[in-house]
């Protein structure tokens, strides 16, 4: 290989790296700013994932991000509110059973059973919810109830992937908590604290979600309805 070709290849890789870093920075900062109202966190997370998944090769990354906000906002906002309510109920029940006291010690098993049940519910909830943003994006025609059902299926069908996704989102939240103890980390988190972990897990999970992208859910639903009518 000639020196000129080697230099061009190296320069191209360097340019590509900084272009990717710039786009991740823009996506990260936009997600943080638009999540300030709190109730918009879930829609902005969906827009962040959609932009990273589908639009990193586009020049106008800001325009792509806001197009994704517009496209997925209504469904993701409604799902986000519903998930927040379910999470609140589970957490309330969790602490309710922790502090529940019975006058008869022989009845303590009720509180223990309630506590275990809430732990199981919380695990199932968290395992399922990590798939929902991706399903909103790759299956935009799917109804909300079907998205929830599919996320539950994927959570345990691809258990190792689900755990990896849980760790990824845990890193995002955990690193933000660390910023409280180490304020200097906040600058790094503001730059790539959300977008970089999502970029890595999105690349890793693309083969799994590709299987669902190729499925014609409308055709399957129509076939099921026809079979039910024949019966």
Protein backbone atom coordinates (compact mmCIF):
# COMPACT_ATOMS: atom_id res chain seq x y z
CA UNK A 1 0.00 0.00 0.00
CA UNK A 2 1.32 3.41 -0.91
CA UNK A 3 1.99 5.96 1.81
CA UNK A 4 -0.60 8.32 0.29
CA UNK A 5 -3.30 5.63 0.40
CA UNK A 6 -2.38 4.74 3.99
CA UNK A 7 -2.60 8.39 5.02
CA UNK A 8 -6.00 8.76 3.34
CA UNK A 9 -7.30 5.64 5.06
CA UNK A 10 -6.06 6.83 8.45
CA UNK A 11 -7.47 10.31 7.85
CA UNK A 12 -10.83 8.81 6.85
CA UNK A 13 -11.02 6.71 10.03
CA UNK A 14 -10.05 9.71 12.16
CA UNK A 15 -12.66 11.90 10.48
CA UNK A 16 -15.28 9.16 10.89
CA UNK A 17 -14.48 8.81 14.58
CA UNK A 18 -14.82 12.51 15.34
CA UNK A 19 -17.96 12.73 13.21
CA UNK A 20 -19.50 9.89 15.25
CA UNK A 21 -18.39 11.54 18.49
CA UNK A 22 -19.95 14.83 17.42
CA UNK A 23 -23.26 13.17 16.55
CA UNK A 24 -23.35 11.25 19.85
CA UNK A 25 -22.68 14.53 21.67
CA UNK A 26 -25.56 16.27 19.86
CA UNK A 27 -27.94 13.37 20.53
CA UNK A 28 -26.86 13.15 24.17
CA UNK A 29 -27.24 16.88 24.85
CA UNK A 30 -30.59 17.09 23.04
CA UNK A 31 -31.94 14.13 25.02
CA UNK A 32 -30.89 15.69 28.34
CA UNK A 33 -32.30 19.13 27.57
CA UNK A 34 -35.64 17.84 26.28
CA UNK A 35 -35.96 15.45 29.25
CA UNK A 36 -35.92 18.29 31.80
CA UNK A 37 -39.76 18.29 32.13
CA UNK A 38 -39.36 14.70 33.49
CA UNK A 39 -42.54 13.39 31.81
CA UNK A 40 -40.74 13.62 28.46
CA UNK A 41 -37.87 11.32 29.49
CA UNK A 42 -39.31 8.20 27.85
CA UNK A 43 -40.19 9.88 24.49
CA UNK A 44 -36.74 11.48 24.35
CA UNK A 45 -35.11 8.12 25.09
CA UNK A 46 -37.05 6.60 22.19
CA UNK A 47 -35.95 9.45 19.91
CA UNK A 48 -32.36 8.98 21.07
CA UNK A 49 -32.42 5.25 20.27
CA UNK A 50 -34.17 5.81 16.91
CA UNK A 51 -31.60 8.41 15.85
CA UNK A 52 -28.65 6.25 16.86
CA UNK A 53 -30.18 3.18 15.24
CA UNK A 54 -31.28 4.68 11.93
CA UNK A 55 -29.76 8.11 11.33
CA UNK A 56 -26.09 8.22 12.30
CA UNK A 57 -25.08 8.19 8.63
CA UNK A 58 -27.14 11.30 7.89
CA UNK A 59 -25.60 14.74 7.76
CA UNK A 60 -28.21 16.75 9.65
CA UNK A 61 -28.29 14.82 12.92
CA UNK A 62 -30.29 17.51 14.74
CA UNK A 63 -33.02 17.42 12.11
CA UNK A 64 -33.07 13.62 12.25
CA UNK A 65 -33.41 13.70 16.03
CA UNK A 66 -36.38 16.06 15.98
CA UNK A 67 -38.06 14.07 13.20
CA UNK A 68 -37.85 11.03 15.46
CA UNK A 69 -39.26 13.04 18.37
CA UNK A 70 -42.23 13.99 16.21
CA UNK A 71 -42.73 10.51 14.78
CA UNK A 72 -42.67 8.54 18.03
CA UNK A 73 -43.76 11.10 20.60
CA UNK A 74 -47.46 10.28 21.04
CA UNK A 75 -47.10 6.52 21.40
CA UNK A 76 -43.96 6.71 23.54
CA UNK A 77 -45.48 9.43 25.74
CA UNK A 78 -48.61 7.36 26.44
CA UNK A 79 -46.53 4.26 27.11
CA UNK A 80 -44.18 6.25 29.32
CA UNK A 81 -47.05 7.53 31.48
CA UNK A 82 -48.48 4.02 31.76
CA UNK A 83 -45.11 2.52 32.69
CA UNK A 84 -44.53 5.26 35.27
CA UNK A 85 -47.88 4.48 36.91
CA UNK A 86 -47.14 0.75 36.99
CA UNK A 87 -43.66 1.38 38.41
CA UNK A 88 -45.11 3.68 41.09
CA UNK A 89 -47.66 1.05 42.12
CA UNK A 90 -45.00 -1.67 42.33
CA UNK A 91 -42.67 0.51 44.41
CA UNK A 92 -45.51 1.55 46.72
CA UNK A 93 -46.51 -2.10 47.24
CA UNK A 94 -42.84 -3.02 47.72
CA UNK A 95 -42.41 -0.60 50.64
CA UNK A 96 -45.88 -1.36 51.94
CA UNK A 97 -44.95 -5.01 52.51
CA UNK A 98 -41.52 -4.11 53.92
CA UNK A 99 -43.05 -2.02 56.70
CA UNK A 100 -46.16 -4.12 57.18
CA UNK A 101 -46.49 -5.36 60.76
CA UNK A 102 -48.77 -8.07 62.08
CA UNK A 103 -49.75 -8.42 65.70
CA UNK A 104 -49.45 -12.17 65.40
CA UNK A 105 -45.96 -13.32 64.54
CA UNK A 106 -47.39 -16.38 62.82
CA UNK A 107 -48.83 -14.03 60.17
CA UNK A 108 -45.45 -12.58 59.23
CA UNK A 109 -45.30 -14.95 56.28
CA UNK A 110 -47.97 -12.82 54.56
CA UNK A 111 -45.69 -9.78 54.58
CA UNK A 112 -42.76 -11.90 53.42
CA UNK A 113 -44.81 -13.40 50.58
CA UNK A 114 -46.00 -9.93 49.58
CA UNK A 115 -42.41 -8.64 49.57
CA UNK A 116 -41.20 -11.55 47.40
CA UNK A 117 -44.13 -11.07 45.01
CA UNK A 118 -43.26 -7.40 44.55
CA UNK A 119 -39.60 -8.22 43.91
CA UNK A 120 -40.65 -10.68 41.21
CA UNK A 121 -43.03 -8.10 39.70
CA UNK A 122 -40.28 -5.47 39.69
CA UNK A 123 -37.84 -7.82 37.92
CA UNK A 124 -40.42 -8.77 35.29
CA UNK A 125 -41.31 -5.11 34.79
CA UNK A 126 -37.69 -3.97 34.35
CA UNK A 127 -36.82 -6.91 32.10
CA UNK A 128 -39.76 -6.12 29.83
CA UNK A 129 -39.49 -2.34 29.76
CA UNK A 130 -35.96 -2.25 28.28
CA UNK A 131 -37.28 -3.72 25.02
CA UNK A 132 -40.23 -1.36 24.64
CA UNK A 133 -38.33 1.64 23.11
CA UNK A 134 -36.86 -0.61 20.41
CA UNK A 135 -40.21 -2.23 19.62
CA UNK A 136 -41.84 1.20 19.24
CA UNK A 137 -39.21 2.01 16.62
CA UNK A 138 -38.99 -1.22 14.62
CA UNK A 139 -42.72 -2.04 14.78
CA UNK A 140 -44.42 1.37 14.53
CA UNK A 141 -47.76 -0.13 13.44
CA UNK A 142 -48.00 -2.42 16.46
CA UNK A 143 -50.64 -1.49 19.03
CA UNK A 144 -49.55 -0.48 22.52
CA UNK A 145 -50.93 -3.66 24.10
CA UNK A 146 -49.12 -5.79 21.50
CA UNK A 147 -45.87 -3.92 22.14
CA UNK A 148 -46.17 -4.74 25.85
CA UNK A 149 -46.89 -8.42 25.09
CA UNK A 150 -43.98 -8.66 22.66
CA UNK A 151 -41.61 -6.99 25.12
CA UNK A 152 -42.58 -9.55 27.76
CA UNK A 153 -41.86 -12.36 25.30
CA UNK A 154 -38.48 -10.92 24.27
CA UNK A 155 -37.45 -10.29 27.87
CA UNK A 156 -37.29 -14.00 28.63
CA UNK A 157 -36.77 -15.40 25.14
CA UNK A 158 -33.48 -13.47 24.91
CA UNK A 159 -32.62 -13.42 28.60
CA UNK A 160 -28.88 -12.77 28.19
CA UNK A 161 -29.54 -9.86 25.83
CA UNK A 162 -32.09 -8.50 28.28
CA UNK A 163 -29.56 -8.65 31.11
CA UNK A 164 -27.00 -6.83 28.94
CA UNK A 165 -29.57 -4.13 28.18
CA UNK A 166 -30.42 -3.86 31.87
CA UNK A 167 -26.73 -3.37 32.66
CA UNK A 168 -26.47 -0.70 29.94
CA UNK A 169 -29.37 1.35 31.30
CA UNK A 170 -28.03 0.74 34.80
CA UNK A 171 -24.72 2.27 33.72
CA UNK A 172 -26.54 5.36 32.44
CA UNK A 173 -28.41 5.87 35.71
CA UNK A 174 -25.50 4.76 37.90
CA UNK A 175 -23.03 7.11 36.23
CA UNK A 176 -25.47 9.98 36.76
CA UNK A 177 -25.64 9.10 40.47
CA UNK A 178 -21.83 9.05 40.58
CA UNK A 179 -21.82 12.62 39.29
CA UNK A 180 -23.33 13.66 42.62
CA UNK A 181 -20.28 12.31 44.46
CA UNK A 182 -17.80 13.29 41.75
CA UNK A 183 -19.05 16.51 40.08
CA UNK A 184 -16.22 16.41 37.56
CA UNK A 185 -17.84 13.40 35.88
CA UNK A 186 -20.93 15.44 35.05
CA UNK A 187 -19.20 17.05 32.05
CA UNK A 188 -18.43 13.62 30.58
CA UNK A 189 -21.97 12.39 31.28
CA UNK A 190 -23.42 15.45 29.55
CA UNK A 191 -21.35 14.64 26.46
CA UNK A 192 -21.78 10.86 26.04
CA UNK A 193 -23.30 9.52 29.26
CA UNK A 194 -26.53 8.43 27.53
CA UNK A 195 -25.73 8.19 23.83
CA UNK A 196 -22.54 6.09 24.04
CA UNK A 197 -24.00 3.19 26.11
CA UNK A 198 -27.11 3.19 23.89
CA UNK A 199 -24.94 3.22 20.76
CA UNK A 200 -23.01 0.15 21.97
CA UNK A 201 -26.07 -1.87 23.05
CA UNK A 202 -27.97 -0.91 19.88
CA UNK A 203 -25.13 -2.24 17.73
CA UNK A 204 -25.01 -5.44 19.80
CA UNK A 205 -28.77 -6.12 19.66
CA UNK A 206 -29.38 -5.25 16.00
CA UNK A 207 -29.34 -8.91 14.80
CA UNK A 208 -32.06 -9.86 17.31
CA UNK A 209 -34.38 -7.00 16.39
CA UNK A 210 -33.77 -7.59 12.69
CA UNK A 211 -35.71 -10.85 13.05
CA UNK A 212 -38.76 -8.88 14.19
CA UNK A 213 -38.37 -6.24 11.48
CA UNK A 214 -38.81 -8.91 8.82
CA UNK A 215 -42.01 -10.29 10.36
CA UNK A 216 -45.28 -9.15 8.77
CA UNK A 217 -47.41 -8.71 11.90
CA UNK A 218 -50.36 -7.38 9.91
CA UNK A 219 -50.44 -10.55 7.82
CA UNK A 220 -50.19 -12.76 10.91
CA UNK A 221 -52.98 -10.85 12.70
CA UNK A 222 -55.23 -11.09 9.65
CA UNK A 223 -54.63 -14.83 9.39
CA UNK A 224 -55.45 -15.33 13.07
CA UNK A 225 -58.69 -13.34 12.70
CA UNK A 226 -59.71 -15.42 9.67
CA UNK A 227 -59.05 -18.67 11.52
CA UNK A 228 -61.11 -17.48 14.50
CA UNK A 229 -63.99 -16.53 12.18
CA UNK A 230 -63.90 -20.00 10.55
CA UNK A 231 -64.15 -21.65 13.95
